[in-house]
Amino acid sequence: MSEDHNRSRDTLVAGDALEECRRHIDRVDATIVALLRERARLAIDAGRIKLEAGQPIDAPDREQAICERVRHLATAPLDPEAAERIFRRIIDEVRAIEVEEVRR
């Protein structure tokens, strides 16, 4: 076999492997979105409970505890600080959903 043929075959194999990896990433992304929807629904429920109990929507101590737990759960290749930043963003977005839904 020629060197060009081997290179073409290697490129095809690498392309197939990349496509399979991307399909798997897409499946993981779909799972993440489903879990985010579930988290938002639970936060809405918690917001309604807090409202009925006369408690504020914001719970800084709870949010800090979540971030600390996430930092401890994060392992390589996910950096603990990166995990915390991601969760702080999730918390912010879900809180906005919670506030909007509870005020309806």
N, C-alpha and C. Protein backbone atom coordinates (compact mmCIF):
# COMPACT_ATOMS: atom_id res chain seq x y z
N MET A 1 0.84 -1.19 0.00
CA MET A 1 0.00 0.00 0.00
C MET A 1 0.88 1.24 0.00
N SER A 2 0.36 2.24 -0.64
CA SER A 2 1.12 3.48 -0.72
C SER A 2 0.94 4.29 0.57
N GLU A 3 1.88 5.19 0.78
CA GLU A 3 1.81 6.07 1.95
C GLU A 3 0.57 6.94 1.90
N ASP A 4 0.18 7.41 0.70
CA ASP A 4 -1.02 8.24 0.55
C ASP A 4 -2.27 7.45 0.92
N HIS A 5 -2.34 6.19 0.52
CA HIS A 5 -3.49 5.34 0.84
C HIS A 5 -3.59 5.13 2.35
N ASN A 6 -2.46 4.85 3.00
CA ASN A 6 -2.46 4.67 4.45
C ASN A 6 -2.91 5.94 5.16
N ARG A 7 -2.42 7.09 4.68
CA ARG A 7 -2.79 8.37 5.28
C ARG A 7 -4.29 8.61 5.12
N SER A 8 -4.86 8.28 3.96
CA SER A 8 -6.29 8.45 3.72
C SER A 8 -7.10 7.55 4.65
N ARG A 9 -6.66 6.30 4.78
CA ARG A 9 -7.35 5.37 5.66
C ARG A 9 -7.28 5.85 7.10
N ASP A 10 -6.12 6.32 7.55
CA ASP A 10 -5.96 6.84 8.90
C ASP A 10 -6.84 8.05 9.14
N THR A 11 -6.96 8.90 8.12
CA THR A 11 -7.81 10.09 8.22
C THR A 11 -9.28 9.67 8.36
N LEU A 12 -9.71 8.66 7.60
CA LEU A 12 -11.08 8.16 7.71
C LEU A 12 -11.35 7.58 9.08
N VAL A 13 -10.42 6.79 9.60
CA VAL A 13 -10.57 6.19 10.92
C VAL A 13 -10.64 7.28 11.98
N ALA A 14 -9.77 8.26 11.89
CA ALA A 14 -9.78 9.37 12.85
C ALA A 14 -11.10 10.14 12.74
N GLY A 15 -11.57 10.35 11.52
CA GLY A 15 -12.84 11.05 11.32
C GLY A 15 -14.00 10.29 11.94
N ASP A 16 -14.01 8.95 11.77
CA ASP A 16 -15.06 8.12 12.37
C ASP A 16 -14.99 8.20 13.89
N ALA A 17 -13.80 8.14 14.44
CA ALA A 17 -13.63 8.22 15.89
C ALA A 17 -14.10 9.57 16.41
N LEU A 18 -13.78 10.63 15.67
CA LEU A 18 -14.21 11.97 16.07
C LEU A 18 -15.73 12.08 16.03
N GLU A 19 -16.34 11.55 14.99
CA GLU A 19 -17.80 11.60 14.88
C GLU A 19 -18.46 10.82 16.03
N GLU A 20 -17.91 9.67 16.36
CA GLU A 20 -18.45 8.88 17.48
C GLU A 20 -18.31 9.65 18.79
N CYS A 21 -17.17 10.28 18.98
CA CYS A 21 -16.95 11.09 20.18
C CYS A 21 -17.96 12.24 20.24
N ARG A 22 -18.19 12.88 19.11
CA ARG A 22 -19.15 13.99 19.06
C ARG A 22 -20.58 13.51 19.32
N ARG A 23 -20.93 12.34 18.81
CA ARG A 23 -22.26 11.78 19.08
C ARG A 23 -22.43 11.53 20.58
N HIS A 24 -21.39 11.03 21.19
CA HIS A 24 -21.45 10.78 22.63
C HIS A 24 -21.58 12.10 23.40
N ILE A 25 -20.83 13.11 22.99
CA ILE A 25 -20.94 14.44 23.62
C ILE A 25 -22.37 14.96 23.48
N ASP A 26 -22.97 14.79 22.31
CA ASP A 26 -24.36 15.22 22.10
C ASP A 26 -25.31 14.52 23.06
N ARG A 27 -25.09 13.22 23.29
CA ARG A 27 -25.94 12.48 24.23
C ARG A 27 -25.75 13.00 25.65
N VAL A 28 -24.51 13.28 26.03
CA VAL A 28 -24.24 13.84 27.36
C VAL A 28 -24.90 15.21 27.49
N ASP A 29 -24.80 16.04 26.45
CA ASP A 29 -25.44 17.36 26.47
C ASP A 29 -26.95 17.24 26.67
N ALA A 30 -27.57 16.30 25.99
CA ALA A 30 -29.02 16.10 26.14
C ALA A 30 -29.35 15.70 27.57
N THR A 31 -28.53 14.87 28.17
CA THR A 31 -28.73 14.47 29.57
C THR A 31 -28.58 15.66 30.50
N ILE A 32 -27.57 16.49 30.25
CA ILE A 32 -27.35 17.68 31.07
C ILE A 32 -28.57 18.60 30.99
N VAL A 33 -29.09 18.82 29.79
CA VAL A 33 -30.26 19.70 29.63
C VAL A 33 -31.47 19.11 30.36
N ALA A 34 -31.67 17.81 30.27
CA ALA A 34 -32.79 17.18 30.99
C ALA A 34 -32.63 17.36 32.50
N LEU A 35 -31.42 17.21 32.99
CA LEU A 35 -31.17 17.40 34.43
C LEU A 35 -31.36 18.86 34.84
N LEU A 36 -30.99 19.79 33.97
CA LEU A 36 -31.22 21.21 34.26
C LEU A 36 -32.71 21.52 34.33
N ARG A 37 -33.50 20.93 33.42
CA ARG A 37 -34.96 21.11 33.48
C ARG A 37 -35.50 20.57 34.80
N GLU A 38 -35.03 19.40 35.21
CA GLU A 38 -35.47 18.82 36.48
C GLU A 38 -35.08 19.71 37.65
N ARG A 39 -33.86 20.24 37.62
CA ARG A 39 -33.39 21.12 38.69
C ARG A 39 -34.25 22.38 38.75
N ALA A 40 -34.61 22.93 37.59
CA ALA A 40 -35.45 24.12 37.55
C ALA A 40 -36.84 23.82 38.13
N ARG A 41 -37.42 22.69 37.76
CA ARG A 41 -38.74 22.32 38.32
C ARG A 41 -38.67 22.18 39.83
N LEU A 42 -37.62 21.56 40.34
CA LEU A 42 -37.47 21.39 41.79
C LEU A 42 -37.28 22.74 42.48
N ALA A 43 -36.53 23.63 41.84
CA ALA A 43 -36.33 24.96 42.41
C ALA A 43 -37.64 25.74 42.46
N ILE A 44 -38.47 25.59 41.44
CA ILE A 44 -39.78 26.23 41.44
C ILE A 44 -40.60 25.71 42.61
N ASP A 45 -40.59 24.39 42.81
CA ASP A 45 -41.30 23.80 43.95
C ASP A 45 -40.76 24.37 45.27
N ALA A 46 -39.45 24.44 45.38
CA ALA A 46 -38.83 24.97 46.61
C ALA A 46 -39.21 26.44 46.80
N GLY A 47 -39.25 27.19 45.70
CA GLY A 47 -39.64 28.60 45.78
C GLY A 47 -41.05 28.77 46.29
N ARG A 48 -41.96 27.93 45.83
CA ARG A 48 -43.35 27.99 46.31
C ARG A 48 -43.43 27.64 47.79
N ILE A 49 -42.68 26.65 48.19
CA ILE A 49 -42.65 26.27 49.61
C ILE A 49 -42.11 27.41 50.45
N LYS A 50 -41.02 28.03 49.97
CA LYS A 50 -40.44 29.17 50.70
C LYS A 50 -41.43 30.32 50.79
N LEU A 51 -42.13 30.57 49.70
CA LEU A 51 -43.12 31.66 49.68
C LEU A 51 -44.22 31.40 50.71
N GLU A 52 -44.74 30.17 50.72
CA GLU A 52 -45.78 29.81 51.69
C GLU A 52 -45.28 29.91 53.12
N ALA A 53 -43.99 29.66 53.33
CA ALA A 53 -43.41 29.71 54.67
C ALA A 53 -42.92 31.11 55.03
N GLY A 54 -43.08 32.06 54.10
CA GLY A 54 -42.63 33.42 54.35
C GLY A 54 -41.12 33.59 54.32
N GLN A 55 -40.42 32.70 53.62
CA GLN A 55 -38.97 32.75 53.52
C GLN A 55 -38.56 33.43 52.21
N PRO A 56 -37.40 34.07 52.20
CA PRO A 56 -36.93 34.69 50.96
C PRO A 56 -36.50 33.64 49.93
N ILE A 57 -36.59 34.02 48.66
CA ILE A 57 -36.15 33.13 47.58
C ILE A 57 -34.64 32.89 47.69
N ASP A 58 -33.90 33.96 47.89
CA ASP A 58 -32.44 33.84 47.99
C ASP A 58 -32.07 33.07 49.25
N ALA A 59 -31.14 32.14 49.08
CA ALA A 59 -30.65 31.34 50.21
C ALA A 59 -29.13 31.25 50.10
N PRO A 60 -28.42 32.34 50.44
CA PRO A 60 -26.97 32.37 50.25
C PRO A 60 -26.22 31.24 50.96
N ASP A 61 -26.67 30.88 52.16
CA ASP A 61 -25.99 29.78 52.87
C ASP A 61 -26.14 28.46 52.10
N ARG A 62 -27.32 28.21 51.58
CA ARG A 62 -27.57 27.00 50.80
C ARG A 62 -26.74 27.02 49.52
N GLU A 63 -26.70 28.17 48.85
CA GLU A 63 -25.92 28.28 47.62
C GLU A 63 -24.43 28.05 47.89
N GLN A 64 -23.93 28.58 48.99
CA GLN A 64 -22.52 28.37 49.34
C GLN A 64 -22.25 26.90 49.62
N ALA A 65 -23.19 26.25 50.32
CA ALA A 65 -23.03 24.82 50.62
C ALA A 65 -23.01 24.00 49.32
N ILE A 66 -23.86 24.37 48.36
CA ILE A 66 -23.87 23.67 47.07
C ILE A 66 -22.52 23.83 46.39
N CYS A 67 -22.00 25.05 46.36
CA CYS A 67 -20.71 25.29 45.70
C CYS A 67 -19.57 24.54 46.38
N GLU A 68 -19.59 24.49 47.70
CA GLU A 68 -18.55 23.74 48.42
C GLU A 68 -18.65 22.25 48.09
N ARG A 69 -19.88 21.72 48.07
CA ARG A 69 -20.06 20.30 47.77
C ARG A 69 -19.58 20.01 46.35
N VAL A 70 -19.92 20.89 45.40
CA VAL A 70 -19.51 20.69 44.00
C VAL A 70 -18.00 20.71 43.88
N ARG A 71 -17.34 21.61 44.58
CA ARG A 71 -15.88 21.67 44.54
C ARG A 71 -15.28 20.35 45.02
N HIS A 72 -15.87 19.76 46.04
CA HIS A 72 -15.36 18.49 46.56
C HIS A 72 -15.65 17.32 45.61
N LEU A 73 -16.74 17.43 44.87
CA LEU A 73 -17.10 16.36 43.93
C LEU A 73 -16.27 16.40 42.65
N ALA A 74 -15.78 17.57 42.30
CA ALA A 74 -15.04 17.74 41.04
C ALA A 74 -13.69 17.03 41.10
N THR A 75 -13.46 16.22 40.10
CA THR A 75 -12.16 15.55 39.96
C THR A 75 -11.69 15.73 38.52
N ALA A 76 -10.43 15.47 38.30
CA ALA A 76 -9.82 15.64 36.98
C ALA A 76 -10.61 14.86 35.94
N PRO A 77 -10.77 15.42 34.81
CA PRO A 77 -10.16 16.66 34.33
C PRO A 77 -10.93 17.93 34.69
N LEU A 78 -12.01 17.81 35.47
CA LEU A 78 -12.79 19.00 35.85
C LEU A 78 -12.17 19.65 37.07
N ASP A 79 -11.72 20.87 36.89
CA ASP A 79 -11.11 21.65 37.96
C ASP A 79 -12.19 22.08 38.96
N PRO A 80 -11.93 21.97 40.27
CA PRO A 80 -12.93 22.37 41.27
C PRO A 80 -13.42 23.81 41.10
N GLU A 81 -12.52 24.73 40.77
CA GLU A 81 -12.93 26.12 40.58
C GLU A 81 -13.84 26.25 39.36
N ALA A 82 -13.54 25.51 38.31
CA ALA A 82 -14.39 25.53 37.12
C ALA A 82 -15.77 24.98 37.45
N ALA A 83 -15.80 23.89 38.19
CA ALA A 83 -17.09 23.30 38.59
C ALA A 83 -17.90 24.31 39.40
N GLU A 84 -17.25 25.01 40.30
CA GLU A 84 -17.96 26.02 41.10
C GLU A 84 -18.50 27.14 40.20
N ARG A 85 -17.69 27.62 39.26
CA ARG A 85 -18.16 28.68 38.36
C ARG A 85 -19.38 28.22 37.56
N ILE A 86 -19.33 26.99 37.08
CA ILE A 86 -20.46 26.44 36.32
C ILE A 86 -21.70 26.40 37.21
N PHE A 87 -21.55 25.91 38.43
CA PHE A 87 -22.70 25.80 39.31
C PHE A 87 -23.21 27.15 39.77
N ARG A 88 -22.34 28.11 39.95
CA ARG A 88 -22.81 29.46 40.31
C ARG A 88 -23.69 30.00 39.18
N ARG A 89 -23.29 29.74 37.96
CA ARG A 89 -24.09 30.19 36.81
C ARG A 89 -25.43 29.46 36.77
N ILE A 90 -25.40 28.15 37.01
CA ILE A 90 -26.64 27.36 37.05
C ILE A 90 -27.55 27.91 38.14
N ILE A 91 -27.00 28.16 39.32
CA ILE A 91 -27.79 28.68 40.43
C ILE A 91 -28.42 30.02 40.05
N ASP A 92 -27.66 30.91 39.45
CA ASP A 92 -28.18 32.21 39.04
C ASP A 92 -29.34 32.06 38.06
N GLU A 93 -29.16 31.22 37.05
CA GLU A 93 -30.20 31.05 36.04
C GLU A 93 -31.44 30.38 36.61
N VAL A 94 -31.25 29.37 37.43
CA VAL A 94 -32.39 28.66 38.02
C VAL A 94 -33.12 29.57 39.01
N ARG A 95 -32.39 30.40 39.75
CA ARG A 95 -33.03 31.35 40.66
C ARG A 95 -33.93 32.30 39.88
N ALA A 96 -33.46 32.77 38.73
CA ALA A 96 -34.27 33.67 37.90
C ALA A 96 -35.56 32.97 37.46
N ILE A 97 -35.46 31.71 37.08
CA ILE A 97 -36.65 30.93 36.71
C ILE A 97 -37.57 30.79 37.92
N GLU A 98 -36.99 30.46 39.05
CA GLU A 98 -37.74 30.29 40.29
C GLU A 98 -38.52 31.54 40.63
N VAL A 99 -37.86 32.69 40.61
CA VAL A 99 -38.50 33.96 40.93
C VAL A 99 -39.65 34.23 39.95
N GLU A 100 -39.39 34.05 38.66
CA GLU A 100 -40.41 34.31 37.65
C GLU A 100 -41.62 33.41 37.85
N GLU A 101 -41.40 32.14 38.08
CA GLU A 101 -42.51 31.19 38.22
C GLU A 101 -43.28 31.40 39.52
N VAL A 102 -42.59 31.69 40.60
CA VAL A 102 -43.25 31.85 41.90
C VAL A 102 -44.12 33.10 41.91
N ARG A 103 -43.74 34.12 41.15
CA ARG A 103 -44.51 35.37 41.12
C ARG A 103 -45.74 35.27 40.25
N ARG A 104 -45.91 34.20 39.52
CA ARG A 104 -47.09 34.04 38.64
C ARG A 104 -48.32 33.77 39.45
